[in-house]
Structures are given as structure tokens and as C-alpha cells.
């Protein structure tokens, strides 16, 4: 009986040893059978998963007019080098050689995987901090396509004429379409200067992180064109280029500098940049930027959920409209003729808004330590300030304060009054300081009356109730009233049905229909609807 047990155990051990040997032989065979590639592609070429993995042992140059087609499920492994400060010589292209390998594309790459069979670009040496070079789409290249690709562990390449950075570097060429791709642990993800670029439904993240000797954060995208429906996690996300960019319906989570516009790295972005219907979560900085006369920025219908700096803009023309700023700071500086409209700024312990835009209207500042520092130079109207510690840091007579509701705050100001500020057609629950002027049309209420003005003001809902004192109680602003309220309803409207349409006090127009003036941003595509 004992002998049988020993024989049985001995048989199990032998089977395990045989299994291990078979696995080792299989892995060794896979390495031996890897398809080594490199050099110049002078005719159209197809890579397929039957030859997996493709091992890039020397740099690949795709000649002008030549297309490399990569089929679903194909695996590409590029020789890599350790990416550390002082070791960047491994990423220097000398002649046609570099230790970290690259694709130099004067023709085209068509890499279209599927959700079930993605195409993989990765490093051959699976070691910490090892990275390959880049996919460089030169000025001579035609339209390249990357769909359902996993692209990981890229870096950059230094050359005598250009220093392409990122997994994909597309420079003034026939364009690039990148869709449903996943970028992981790249020094940069996509960089370039071509306007004919779309990056949609991709995911960008840093898991392994870069070597600490590099001592810097790296942005995922440095591009223009259409950037829509993507997810960005951590790091710096986007630095738009010098042409028009549409940044639409993306989600940014735990980013450092989310969108960096202008500044020293991009002193004049020249063409308009549209930032529309994005979600910013748990960021250090949402949008930061500066520029020169003629630059323009449109930030509309985004959600910013801090903590952090929601927006920090230096002198450029901008329109900031229809955004939610929750627990974050909104600051502008020296931006004449700009407009801040239809925004909700709430639940920030410091100053909710700081700056002097030309127009400040239809905004709600709610439950902040200090509502705002500054005024609208040319128009300050139809705003709500409620449940703040202080409404203003200081208040001046630079603009008439009109058609606004200032209720439920602890104090009107924390520092000074300059000149003789005028309040006109406002709803107030405090006596005006003696320095201020009653411009007429003001309505004074007590704490009980405030509840009858708005649907649920203590929880941030400032839609007007039926019979609210704010309906048709504004100053006649026919020449300059805002066309739409925060719900995209028309202004002005006869809310009390007396046959005379007068603008309401506050940001919302009671009973008004939806407007046909609300149109999607250019270009005409599904992401802008």
C-alpha cells in the first residue's frame, strides 16, 4: 500500500516536470519564431497576427507612397532603452540607427484593430523604465489611421532636424485619425502640428510612471484638431497647438494641469480654441493660459469639480458660458471685451470668481467663502449671490449692479467700498450702505420671503417660482440683455402674462420657451451635438 502511494506521488512529480519543460520549450519557440523586422519598406506591406510577434530590431522607414497595413490582433515589440536623465543618448538617431527603435513614416500606417483583437505596440524588453522611440509621421506622410490599438512605453527620438515626441508624432501632413486606442505609460502620447487630426474615444493613463530622474510632468496631447470623447487620468492632459482645436466631451480625472493654453511654451495660439461639454474631476488646475490680442478661447457647458483652480486666464478674448464650477477657483486677469455668462460657481471656501471681464451676467455664485473680487466693466447684471460669507471683497462704482438677487449672505463686502456703487432693480435682504446709491426698482425681502422667490435656493436651485417677485421685475435691458438663460431659454419673456415682456431679475427667465439660437460648436460632428 505504501509503495503504491509513493508511485502515485512520483508520477505526479514527473507530470509536473514534463509540463514545465513543455511550457519552457513553447516559450523558447515563440521567441525564436518572432518575426524580426526593420529597414526600409519600399512597397505596400501587410502585417498579420499569424506572424506574431513582430520584433522591431532596427528602425523602420516607410517610404513616401507606401502603406503599412496592420491587421487586428497583431503584436509589435520594439527594442527599447532605459529612459533616465543622462541616458537619453539611447534615443538619439545617428544616421538611421538608434538604440530605442522607431517608425519613420513618409508614407502611411493603417492600423485598424477591433475591440476583441486590438493591435499592440509595446517594448521588447519588459523592464521597468524601458521605452521605445516614437511613430513619426513626417510632413511627407499621408493620412494614417490608428483604431483599437494598445500603445505603451514610447518616449521620443532626437534627430538633427526634428525631435519627435510621443507614441505618435504627426507633423503638418495628410492627417491622423486615432480612435478607441489605449495609451499607457508613454512619455507623451500624441504630439504634432497638423490641423487634420482627430483623437476620439481613447484612454490615456500613466500606471508605471517615469523614472524620477526626469523630474517633470508630461502632457498626453500636444495637438490641434478634434479631441473628443476621451478619458485622461493623471498627469498633464492637453497643450493645444497653434491652430484651431475642439476639445469636446472628454473626461479628465486627477490631472495636474488639465488644459494648458498659451504661455511660454505656446506664446500665441492664433486660432480659436473651443472647450465644450467636458468633465473635470479632482484636478490641480483645469484650464490655464495666456495669449496676445487676437487670440480667442470659448469655454462652454463644462463641469469642473475640484478642489483646484478651475480656470486661470491671462489677457485673451474669451467667452466662459454655461459652466459648473464646484469647489474650485475661477480667475481671469486683464481681458477686455470678454464675457462670463450663465455659470454656476459654488461651494468654494475662498473667492469663487476673481477678475474684471467686460460682461458678467446670468451667473450664480453660491455658498462660497467670498463670492467675487471684481465686477463686469461694461455690464454686471442678472446674477445671484446667495449663502456666501461675503458677496464681494471690495465693491466699486465701476458698473451698475442691476437685475441681480443678493440674498442670504453674511456680509456685502469684506474690505472696502470705492466710490458710490449703484444698485438697480435688484432683490436685496439688507440695507444699502450709505455710500451706495438706490438706483430704483429694488425689492427688499426678509428671510421668509426669499423662500417664495426660488424653487430651492438653499440647495442651489434658483429657478423662479410661480408668482415670484422676480418675474418681469428687471430693468429695461432691451438693447443689451443676454439672449439665453442657463437653460437655453429665451430672454425677454412675458412671465406674468400682463401683455408686456420685461426681463426677470436673476439668471432664469420664468415661463420662457427653449431657443433655436442654441447651436452646436463647429465643426458639425456628433461630438458637438
Protein backbone atom coordinates (compact mmCIF):
# COMPACT_ATOMS: atom_id res chain seq x y z
CA UNK A 1 0.00 0.00 0.00
CA UNK A 2 2.84 2.42 0.90
CA UNK A 3 4.62 1.57 -2.37
CA UNK A 4 1.52 2.42 -4.39
CA UNK A 5 1.21 5.82 -2.73
CA UNK A 6 4.86 6.60 -3.40
CA UNK A 7 4.49 5.57 -7.03
CA UNK A 8 1.43 7.76 -7.36
CA UNK A 9 3.24 10.80 -5.93
CA UNK A 10 6.25 10.13 -8.06
CA UNK A 11 4.04 10.06 -11.12
CA UNK A 12 2.57 13.46 -10.26
CA UNK A 13 6.03 14.97 -9.87
CA UNK A 14 7.11 13.63 -13.24
CA UNK A 15 3.99 15.00 -14.90
CA UNK A 16 4.62 18.45 -13.40
CA UNK A 17 8.23 18.39 -14.59
CA UNK A 18 7.14 17.42 -18.07
CA UNK A 19 4.56 20.22 -18.09
CA UNK A 20 7.20 22.78 -17.06
CA UNK A 21 9.55 21.54 -19.77
CA UNK A 22 6.81 21.77 -22.38
CA UNK A 23 5.98 25.35 -21.33
CA UNK A 24 9.65 26.38 -21.47
CA UNK A 25 10.05 24.83 -24.90
CA UNK A 26 6.89 26.62 -26.07
CA UNK A 27 8.12 29.99 -24.80
CA UNK A 28 11.55 29.48 -26.31
CA UNK A 29 9.95 28.53 -29.60
CA UNK A 30 7.82 31.68 -29.54
CA UNK A 31 10.95 33.81 -29.04
CA UNK A 32 12.79 32.00 -31.83
CA UNK A 33 9.78 32.30 -34.10
CA UNK A 34 9.34 36.06 -33.57
CA UNK A 35 9.32 37.88 -36.89
CA UNK A 36 12.26 40.28 -36.92
CA UNK A 37 11.60 43.45 -38.91
CA UNK A 38 13.43 46.66 -39.72
CA UNK A 39 14.83 48.79 -42.53
CA UNK A 40 13.03 50.44 -45.43
CA UNK A 41 9.57 49.46 -46.66
CA UNK A 42 9.54 50.27 -50.36
CA UNK A 43 6.24 48.62 -51.28
CA UNK A 44 2.85 48.17 -49.65
CA UNK A 45 3.16 45.70 -46.78
CA UNK A 46 0.70 43.82 -44.56
CA UNK A 47 1.45 42.61 -41.04
CA UNK A 48 -0.87 39.94 -39.66
CA UNK A 49 -1.24 38.10 -36.33
CA UNK A 50 -0.12 34.83 -37.94
CA UNK A 51 3.45 36.15 -37.70
CA UNK A 52 3.22 37.42 -34.12
CA UNK A 53 5.11 38.92 -32.52
CA UNK A 54 6.82 41.37 -34.87
CA UNK A 55 10.15 42.27 -33.25
CA UNK A 56 11.49 45.64 -34.46
CA UNK A 57 15.27 45.14 -34.26
CA UNK A 58 16.21 48.11 -36.44
CA UNK A 59 14.39 51.32 -37.26
CA UNK A 60 11.59 51.06 -39.79
CA UNK A 61 11.34 53.64 -42.58
CA UNK A 62 8.11 53.66 -44.60
CA UNK A 63 8.85 55.33 -47.92
CA UNK A 64 6.63 58.01 -49.43
CA UNK A 65 3.64 56.49 -51.22
CA UNK A 66 3.97 53.19 -49.32
CA UNK A 67 1.32 51.90 -46.90
CA UNK A 68 1.95 49.57 -43.97
CA UNK A 69 -1.35 47.85 -43.11
CA UNK A 70 -1.51 46.21 -39.68
CA UNK A 71 -4.31 43.71 -39.16
CA UNK A 72 -6.35 43.12 -35.96
CA UNK A 73 -4.56 41.13 -33.26
CA UNK A 74 -1.05 41.95 -34.49
CA UNK A 75 1.61 42.40 -31.78
CA UNK A 76 4.57 44.70 -32.38
CA UNK A 77 7.51 44.82 -29.98
CA UNK A 78 10.20 47.46 -30.43
CA UNK A 79 13.70 47.31 -29.00
CA UNK A 80 13.83 49.74 -26.10
CA UNK A 81 16.25 51.51 -23.79
CA UNK A 82 16.18 52.76 -20.22
CA UNK A 83 14.64 56.24 -20.15
CA UNK A 84 16.60 58.14 -17.50
CA UNK A 85 18.21 61.56 -17.27
CA UNK A 86 21.77 61.24 -18.56
CA UNK A 87 20.87 58.22 -20.67
CA UNK A 88 18.98 59.96 -23.44
CA UNK A 89 21.75 59.19 -25.94
CA UNK A 90 19.92 55.89 -26.42
CA UNK A 91 17.14 57.94 -28.03
CA UNK A 92 19.46 59.78 -30.45
CA UNK A 93 19.06 58.92 -34.13
CA UNK A 94 22.53 58.66 -35.67
CA UNK A 95 22.26 58.08 -39.38
CA UNK A 96 19.41 55.59 -39.47
CA UNK A 97 20.14 53.89 -36.17
CA UNK A 98 19.15 54.40 -32.54
CA UNK A 99 19.12 52.07 -29.56
CA UNK A 100 15.44 52.78 -28.90
CA UNK A 101 13.65 51.93 -32.14
CA UNK A 102 11.12 53.97 -34.13
CA UNK A 103 8.82 54.07 -37.13
CA UNK A 104 9.72 56.89 -39.54
CA UNK A 105 6.71 57.28 -41.80
CA UNK A 106 6.87 59.21 -45.07
CA UNK A 107 4.04 57.03 -46.39
CA UNK A 108 1.14 55.77 -44.27
CA UNK A 109 0.27 53.40 -41.44
CA UNK A 110 -3.21 51.88 -41.37
CA UNK A 111 -3.51 50.07 -38.03
CA UNK A 112 -7.15 49.10 -37.53
CA UNK A 113 -7.77 46.57 -34.79
CA UNK A 114 -11.07 45.62 -33.22
CA UNK A 115 -12.41 45.67 -29.66
CA UNK A 116 -11.80 41.91 -29.40
CA UNK A 117 -8.50 41.90 -31.31
CA UNK A 118 -6.58 45.13 -30.66
CA UNK A 119 -3.22 45.89 -32.21
CA UNK A 120 -0.37 46.22 -29.70
CA UNK A 121 2.69 48.47 -29.87
CA UNK A 122 4.94 47.77 -26.87
CA UNK A 123 8.55 47.36 -25.75
CA UNK A 124 10.57 44.22 -26.47
CA UNK A 125 12.45 44.43 -23.16
CA UNK A 126 9.82 44.15 -20.43
CA UNK A 127 11.89 46.02 -17.83
CA UNK A 128 10.96 48.94 -15.60
CA UNK A 129 11.59 52.37 -17.20
CA UNK A 130 12.41 50.90 -20.61
CA UNK A 131 10.83 52.74 -23.54
CA UNK A 132 10.98 52.64 -27.31
CA UNK A 133 11.14 55.73 -29.53
CA UNK A 134 8.15 57.01 -31.49
CA UNK A 135 5.93 56.66 -34.55
CA UNK A 136 6.96 59.74 -36.52
CA UNK A 137 4.51 60.77 -39.25
CA UNK A 138 6.56 63.23 -41.28
CA UNK A 139 5.48 66.17 -43.43
CA UNK A 140 5.54 63.86 -46.45
CA UNK A 141 3.20 61.29 -44.93
CA UNK A 142 -0.40 60.78 -45.97
CA UNK A 143 -3.43 60.08 -43.80
CA UNK A 144 -2.61 57.47 -41.13
CA UNK A 145 -5.18 55.60 -39.04
CA UNK A 146 -4.93 54.01 -35.60
CA UNK A 147 -8.06 52.26 -34.29
CA UNK A 148 -8.38 49.86 -31.36
CA UNK A 149 -4.66 49.94 -30.60
CA UNK A 150 -2.85 49.46 -27.29
CA UNK A 151 0.20 51.74 -27.40
CA UNK A 152 2.51 51.65 -24.40
CA UNK A 153 6.04 52.56 -23.26
CA UNK A 154 7.00 55.03 -26.00
CA UNK A 155 9.18 58.10 -25.45
CA UNK A 156 10.85 60.30 -28.08
CA UNK A 157 13.69 60.49 -30.59
CA UNK A 158 16.30 63.19 -31.11
CA UNK A 159 17.41 63.92 -34.68
CA UNK A 160 19.43 66.62 -36.41
CA UNK A 161 16.29 68.26 -37.84
CA UNK A 162 13.31 67.40 -35.62
CA UNK A 163 12.75 65.88 -32.19
CA UNK A 164 9.50 63.90 -32.43
CA UNK A 165 7.98 63.17 -29.04
CA UNK A 166 5.27 60.74 -28.08
CA UNK A 167 3.83 57.45 -29.20
CA UNK A 168 2.53 59.23 -32.31
CA UNK A 169 4.06 62.44 -33.63
CA UNK A 170 2.16 63.90 -36.58
CA UNK A 171 3.71 66.96 -38.21
CA UNK A 172 1.99 69.11 -40.89
CA UNK A 173 0.97 66.16 -43.02
CA UNK A 174 -2.06 64.43 -44.52
CA UNK A 175 -3.57 63.95 -41.08
CA UNK A 176 -4.11 61.32 -38.41
CA UNK A 177 -7.20 59.51 -37.15
CA UNK A 178 -6.83 57.95 -33.71
CA UNK A 179 -9.91 56.21 -32.34
CA UNK A 180 -10.67 53.76 -29.49
CA UNK A 181 -6.99 53.46 -28.58
CA UNK A 182 -5.47 52.93 -25.14
CA UNK A 183 -2.25 54.79 -24.29
CA UNK A 184 -0.37 53.59 -21.19
CA UNK A 185 2.93 54.78 -19.69
CA UNK A 186 4.09 56.86 -22.64
CA UNK A 187 6.39 59.82 -22.04
CA UNK A 188 3.98 61.67 -24.30
CA UNK A 189 1.01 60.16 -26.10
CA UNK A 190 0.27 62.20 -29.24
CA UNK A 191 2.08 65.34 -30.34
CA UNK A 192 2.17 67.36 -33.53
CA UNK A 193 1.19 70.39 -35.51
CA UNK A 194 -1.21 69.19 -38.16
CA UNK A 195 -4.74 70.57 -38.21
CA UNK A 196 -6.06 67.40 -39.86
CA UNK A 197 -6.11 65.36 -36.69
CA UNK A 198 -8.88 63.67 -34.73
CA UNK A 199 -8.45 61.84 -31.43
CA UNK A 200 -11.68 60.25 -30.28
CA UNK A 201 -12.83 57.71 -27.68
CA UNK A 202 -9.31 56.97 -26.44
CA UNK A 203 -7.98 56.40 -22.92
CA UNK A 204 -4.77 57.93 -21.59
CA UNK A 205 -3.15 56.95 -18.32
CA UNK A 206 0.16 56.56 -16.52
CA UNK A 207 0.47 53.41 -14.40
CA UNK A 208 4.18 52.66 -14.16
CA UNK A 209 5.23 56.34 -14.16
CA UNK A 210 8.55 57.64 -15.49
CA UNK A 211 11.93 57.48 -13.81
CA UNK A 212 12.24 60.06 -11.02
CA UNK A 213 15.45 61.48 -12.54
CA UNK A 214 13.38 63.07 -15.32
CA UNK A 215 11.74 65.27 -12.67
CA UNK A 216 8.87 66.56 -14.76
CA UNK A 217 5.24 66.01 -15.73
CA UNK A 218 4.45 65.23 -19.34
CA UNK A 219 1.31 66.12 -21.22
CA UNK A 220 -0.59 63.40 -23.04
CA UNK A 221 -1.53 65.55 -26.03
CA UNK A 222 0.16 68.49 -27.71
CA UNK A 223 -2.06 68.78 -30.76
CA UNK A 224 -4.82 70.67 -32.53
CA UNK A 225 -7.85 69.36 -34.38
CA UNK A 226 -10.72 67.39 -32.80
CA UNK A 227 -10.19 65.89 -29.33
CA UNK A 228 -13.47 64.28 -28.33
CA UNK A 229 -14.92 61.58 -26.11
CA UNK A 230 -11.60 60.63 -24.48
CA UNK A 231 -10.64 59.76 -20.90
CA UNK A 232 -7.49 61.26 -19.34
CA UNK A 233 -6.25 60.03 -15.96
CA UNK A 234 -3.44 61.78 -14.09
CA UNK A 235 -0.51 63.87 -15.39
CA UNK A 236 -0.89 66.94 -17.63
CA UNK A 237 -3.51 66.31 -20.27
CA UNK A 238 -3.58 68.70 -23.24
CA UNK A 239 -1.48 71.54 -24.60
CA UNK A 240 -3.21 72.66 -27.82
CA UNK A 241 -1.08 73.70 -30.75
CA UNK A 242 -1.23 76.87 -32.82
CA UNK A 243 -4.33 76.05 -34.88
CA UNK A 244 -8.00 75.65 -34.05
CA UNK A 245 -8.72 72.92 -31.52
CA UNK A 246 -12.08 71.47 -30.49
CA UNK A 247 -11.87 69.80 -27.08
CA UNK A 248 -15.28 68.21 -26.65
CA UNK A 249 -16.97 65.76 -24.25
CA UNK A 250 -13.79 64.45 -22.64
CA UNK A 251 -13.38 63.31 -19.04
CA UNK A 252 -10.31 64.47 -17.10
CA UNK A 253 -9.63 62.82 -13.75
CA UNK A 254 -6.90 63.59 -11.18
CA UNK A 255 -4.95 65.67 -13.69
CA UNK A 256 -2.25 68.17 -12.74
CA UNK A 257 -2.57 70.84 -15.45
CA UNK A 258 -5.54 69.69 -17.49
CA UNK A 259 -5.51 72.10 -20.45
CA UNK A 260 -2.56 74.48 -20.84
CA UNK A 261 -3.18 77.24 -23.38
CA UNK A 262 -0.53 79.75 -24.38
CA UNK A 263 2.21 80.76 -22.02
CA UNK A 264 5.91 80.40 -22.61
CA UNK A 265 5.62 77.12 -24.50
CA UNK A 266 2.94 78.42 -26.87
CA UNK A 267 3.06 82.23 -26.79
CA UNK A 268 0.41 82.81 -29.45
CA UNK A 269 -2.11 80.12 -30.26
CA UNK A 270 -3.52 82.30 -33.07
CA UNK A 271 -6.75 80.45 -33.90
CA UNK A 272 -9.82 79.86 -31.71
CA UNK A 273 -9.88 77.05 -29.19
CA UNK A 274 -13.23 75.56 -28.17
CA UNK A 275 -13.59 73.68 -24.88
CA UNK A 276 -17.10 72.26 -24.76
CA UNK A 277 -19.07 69.85 -22.55
CA UNK A 278 -16.06 68.30 -20.80
CA UNK A 279 -15.95 66.94 -17.25
CA UNK A 280 -13.03 67.88 -14.97
CA UNK A 281 -12.70 65.82 -11.77
CA UNK A 282 -10.31 66.22 -8.82
CA UNK A 283 -7.74 68.34 -10.67
CA UNK A 284 -4.96 70.69 -9.62
CA UNK A 285 -5.67 73.11 -12.49
CA UNK A 286 -8.49 72.88 -15.03
CA UNK A 287 -7.64 75.45 -17.72
CA UNK A 288 -4.68 77.80 -17.57
CA UNK A 289 -3.50 80.11 -20.30
CA UNK A 290 -2.39 83.43 -21.65
CA UNK A 291 -2.05 84.93 -25.08
CA UNK A 292 -2.00 88.04 -27.23
CA UNK A 293 -4.57 90.30 -28.91
CA UNK A 294 -6.46 88.30 -31.49
CA UNK A 295 -6.35 85.05 -29.53
CA UNK A 296 -9.73 83.67 -28.53
CA UNK A 297 -11.00 80.95 -26.24
CA UNK A 298 -14.53 79.59 -25.83
CA UNK A 299 -15.23 77.58 -22.66
CA UNK A 300 -18.84 76.41 -22.65
CA UNK A 301 -21.03 73.91 -20.77
CA UNK A 302 -18.22 72.15 -18.91
CA UNK A 303 -18.37 70.69 -15.40
CA UNK A 304 -15.45 71.48 -13.08
CA UNK A 305 -15.40 69.54 -9.80
CA UNK A 306 -12.39 70.47 -7.68
CA UNK A 307 -10.58 71.03 -5.50
CA UNK A 308 -8.20 73.13 -7.54
CA UNK A 309 -8.02 76.07 -9.92
CA UNK A 310 -10.93 75.73 -12.32
CA UNK A 311 -9.85 78.45 -14.75
CA UNK A 312 -6.89 80.84 -14.63
CA UNK A 313 -6.69 83.05 -17.73
CA UNK A 314 -4.39 85.94 -18.63
CA UNK A 315 -5.17 88.57 -21.31
CA UNK A 316 -7.00 86.99 -24.22
CA UNK A 317 -10.51 87.25 -25.59
CA UNK A 318 -12.68 84.58 -24.02
CA UNK A 319 -16.27 83.55 -23.53
CA UNK A 320 -16.90 81.44 -20.43
CA UNK A 321 -20.52 80.37 -20.55
CA UNK A 322 -22.82 77.74 -19.06
CA UNK A 323 -20.20 76.02 -16.89
CA UNK A 324 -20.42 74.46 -13.44
CA UNK A 325 -17.58 75.34 -11.03
CA UNK A 326 -17.90 73.18 -7.92
CA UNK A 327 -15.32 73.63 -5.15
CA UNK A 328 -12.82 75.34 -7.43
CA UNK A 329 -11.45 78.79 -8.20
CA UNK A 330 -12.19 80.89 -11.31
CA UNK A 331 -9.75 83.71 -12.04
CA UNK A 332 -9.15 85.98 -15.02
CA UNK A 333 -6.78 88.87 -15.46
CA UNK A 334 -6.83 91.85 -17.81
CA UNK A 335 -9.18 90.55 -20.50
CA UNK A 336 -11.13 93.42 -22.07
CA UNK A 337 -14.25 92.71 -24.13
CA UNK A 338 -14.56 89.21 -22.68
CA UNK A 339 -17.71 87.67 -21.28
CA UNK A 340 -18.65 85.48 -18.30
CA UNK A 341 -22.25 84.30 -18.54
CA UNK A 342 -24.65 81.60 -17.28
CA UNK A 343 -22.17 79.92 -14.93
CA UNK A 344 -22.75 78.31 -11.53
CA UNK A 345 -19.89 78.90 -9.09
CA UNK A 346 -20.45 77.13 -5.79
CA UNK A 347 -19.07 75.56 -2.63
CA UNK A 348 -15.57 77.03 -2.69
CA UNK A 349 -14.02 78.09 0.59
CA UNK A 350 -12.14 81.03 -0.92
CA UNK A 351 -13.05 83.57 -3.61
CA UNK A 352 -15.32 81.96 -6.18
CA UNK A 353 -14.56 84.38 -9.02
CA UNK A 354 -11.80 86.95 -9.40
CA UNK A 355 -11.43 89.28 -12.37
CA UNK A 356 -12.89 92.08 -14.46
CA UNK A 357 -14.45 90.72 -17.62
CA UNK A 358 -16.28 93.16 -19.85
CA UNK A 359 -19.61 91.42 -19.23
CA UNK A 360 -20.57 89.44 -16.12
CA UNK A 361 -24.18 88.31 -16.34
CA UNK A 362 -26.61 85.49 -15.58
CA UNK A 363 -24.20 83.85 -13.13
CA UNK A 364 -24.90 82.19 -9.79
CA UNK A 365 -22.30 82.40 -7.01
CA UNK A 366 -23.46 80.26 -4.13
CA UNK A 367 -22.04 79.00 -0.83
CA UNK A 368 -18.51 80.40 -1.23
CA UNK A 369 -16.24 81.99 1.33
CA UNK A 370 -16.20 85.11 -0.80
CA UNK A 371 -18.39 85.48 -3.86
CA UNK A 372 -16.16 87.54 -6.08
CA UNK A 373 -13.38 90.05 -6.38
CA UNK A 374 -14.05 92.43 -9.28
CA UNK A 375 -17.01 93.43 -11.44
CA UNK A 376 -18.07 93.47 -15.06
CA UNK A 377 -16.61 96.59 -16.66
CA UNK A 378 -19.41 97.13 -19.19
CA UNK A 379 -22.21 95.07 -17.73
CA UNK A 380 -22.97 93.49 -14.37
CA UNK A 381 -26.48 92.14 -14.36
CA UNK A 382 -28.91 89.27 -13.73
CA UNK A 383 -26.66 87.47 -11.26
CA UNK A 384 -27.46 85.70 -7.99
CA UNK A 385 -25.29 85.84 -4.88
CA UNK A 386 -26.57 83.61 -2.08
CA UNK A 387 -25.28 81.86 1.06
CA UNK A 388 -21.76 83.31 0.78
CA UNK A 389 -19.76 84.62 3.72
CA UNK A 390 -19.03 87.81 1.77
CA UNK A 391 -20.53 88.83 -1.57
CA UNK A 392 -17.59 90.99 -2.66
CA UNK A 393 -14.06 91.51 -1.42
CA UNK A 394 -14.47 95.17 -2.36
CA UNK A 395 -17.28 96.92 -4.21
CA UNK A 396 -16.92 99.86 -6.59
CA UNK A 397 -18.97 102.08 -8.87
CA UNK A 398 -17.23 100.76 -11.99
CA UNK A 399 -20.51 99.21 -13.19
CA UNK A 400 -24.17 99.40 -12.16
CA UNK A 401 -25.31 96.31 -10.28
CA UNK A 402 -28.70 95.53 -11.75
CA UNK A 403 -31.34 92.82 -12.09
CA UNK A 404 -29.50 90.72 -9.50
CA UNK A 405 -30.57 88.89 -6.35
CA UNK A 406 -28.26 89.33 -3.36
CA UNK A 407 -29.76 87.29 -0.52
CA UNK A 408 -28.81 85.02 2.36
CA UNK A 409 -25.18 86.18 2.60
CA UNK A 410 -23.38 87.11 5.82
CA UNK A 411 -21.85 90.37 4.60
CA UNK A 412 -21.93 92.53 1.46
CA UNK A 413 -18.16 93.07 1.37
CA UNK A 414 -15.05 92.20 3.36
CA UNK A 415 -12.70 95.11 2.58
CA UNK A 416 -13.69 98.42 1.03
CA UNK A 417 -16.30 100.42 -0.89
CA UNK A 418 -14.90 102.59 -3.69
CA UNK A 419 -17.00 105.47 -4.98
CA UNK A 420 -20.77 105.22 -4.92
CA UNK A 421 -21.95 101.86 -6.29
CA UNK A 422 -25.45 101.84 -7.79
CA UNK A 423 -27.96 99.02 -7.20
CA UNK A 424 -30.86 99.00 -9.66
CA UNK A 425 -33.80 96.56 -9.93
CA UNK A 426 -32.22 94.10 -7.53
CA UNK A 427 -33.69 91.85 -4.84
CA UNK A 428 -31.91 92.56 -1.55
CA UNK A 429 -32.26 91.38 2.04
CA UNK A 430 -30.03 94.08 3.58
CA UNK A 431 -29.95 97.83 3.85
CA UNK A 432 -27.66 99.53 1.37
CA UNK A 433 -24.55 101.08 2.93
CA UNK A 434 -24.68 104.87 2.92
CA UNK A 435 -22.01 105.01 0.21
CA UNK A 436 -24.26 103.05 -2.18
CA UNK A 437 -27.00 104.58 -4.34
CA UNK A 438 -30.51 103.21 -4.73
CA UNK A 439 -30.96 103.36 -8.50
CA UNK A 440 -34.66 102.49 -8.28
CA UNK A 441 -36.66 99.34 -8.87
CA UNK A 442 -35.07 97.46 -5.96
CA UNK A 443 -37.14 94.97 -3.96
CA UNK A 444 -36.35 94.35 -0.30
CA UNK A 445 -37.22 90.98 1.21
CA UNK A 446 -36.79 89.20 4.53
CA UNK A 447 -35.64 85.63 5.09
CA UNK A 448 -39.18 84.23 4.88
CA UNK A 449 -39.86 85.96 1.57
CA UNK A 450 -36.72 84.50 -0.04
CA UNK A 451 -38.26 81.02 0.01
CA UNK A 452 -41.06 82.27 -2.22
CA UNK A 453 -38.69 83.64 -4.85
CA UNK A 454 -36.86 80.48 -5.92
CA UNK A 455 -37.59 76.78 -6.22
CA UNK A 456 -34.99 75.70 -3.63
CA UNK A 457 -32.42 78.43 -3.10
CA UNK A 458 -30.84 76.83 -0.02
CA UNK A 459 -29.79 73.89 -2.19
CA UNK A 460 -28.73 75.96 -5.18
CA UNK A 461 -31.89 75.89 -7.32
CA UNK A 462 -32.63 79.47 -8.39
CA UNK A 463 -35.39 78.83 -10.90
CA UNK A 464 -38.24 81.22 -10.20
CA UNK A 465 -41.42 80.02 -8.55
CA UNK A 466 -44.89 80.87 -9.90
CA UNK A 467 -45.71 84.35 -8.65
CA UNK A 468 -42.11 85.15 -7.72
CA UNK A 469 -41.39 88.84 -7.14
CA UNK A 470 -38.51 88.49 -9.61
CA UNK A 471 -40.77 87.81 -12.62
CA UNK A 472 -40.83 90.76 -15.07
CA UNK A 473 -39.19 92.93 -12.40
CA UNK A 474 -35.90 93.74 -14.11
CA UNK A 475 -34.61 96.98 -15.53
CA UNK A 476 -35.44 97.52 -19.21
CA UNK A 477 -32.43 95.95 -20.90
CA UNK A 478 -33.83 95.68 -24.43
CA UNK A 479 -30.60 96.82 -26.05
CA UNK A 480 -28.22 94.51 -24.25
CA UNK A 481 -30.00 91.71 -22.45
CA UNK A 482 -28.50 88.20 -22.68
CA UNK A 483 -30.28 86.21 -25.36
CA UNK A 484 -30.42 82.94 -23.41
CA UNK A 485 -30.71 81.93 -19.78
CA UNK A 486 -28.76 78.97 -18.28
CA UNK A 487 -31.42 76.55 -19.56
CA UNK A 488 -31.04 77.95 -23.10
CA UNK A 489 -34.48 79.56 -22.83
CA UNK A 490 -35.23 82.90 -24.45
CA UNK A 491 -34.95 86.28 -22.79
CA UNK A 492 -37.02 88.54 -22.56
CA UNK A 493 -40.43 86.89 -21.88
CA UNK A 494 -43.79 87.98 -20.52
CA UNK A 495 -43.70 85.74 -17.46
CA UNK A 496 -46.63 87.33 -15.62
CA UNK A 497 -48.87 87.43 -18.72
CA UNK A 498 -49.68 91.13 -18.44
CA UNK A 499 -49.02 91.73 -22.12
CA UNK A 500 -45.61 93.34 -21.55
CA UNK A 501 -42.37 91.35 -21.78
CA UNK A 502 -39.80 92.52 -19.25
CA UNK A 503 -36.65 90.70 -18.23
CA UNK A 504 -36.78 88.86 -14.90
CA UNK A 505 -34.43 89.50 -12.00
CA UNK A 506 -31.79 86.80 -11.75
CA UNK A 507 -30.39 84.38 -14.32
CA UNK A 508 -33.53 82.40 -15.23
CA UNK A 509 -36.45 83.64 -17.34
CA UNK A 510 -39.74 82.31 -15.98
CA UNK A 511 -42.00 80.52 -18.48
CA UNK A 512 -39.79 81.23 -21.48
CA UNK A 513 -39.60 78.69 -24.31
CA UNK A 514 -36.42 76.99 -25.48
CA UNK A 515 -34.44 78.96 -28.02
CA UNK A 516 -33.45 77.97 -31.52
CA UNK A 517 -30.39 80.16 -31.12
CA UNK A 518 -28.56 77.46 -29.17
CA UNK A 519 -26.40 75.79 -31.81
CA UNK A 520 -23.56 73.27 -31.55
CA UNK A 521 -20.00 74.46 -31.95
CA UNK A 522 -18.16 73.93 -35.19
CA UNK A 523 -17.26 71.56 -36.72
CA UNK A 524 -20.53 69.81 -37.48
CA UNK A 525 -19.97 66.40 -35.90
CA UNK A 526 -21.68 64.08 -33.46
CA UNK A 527 -19.48 65.11 -30.54
CA UNK A 528 -20.74 68.69 -30.67
CA UNK A 529 -24.45 67.90 -30.54
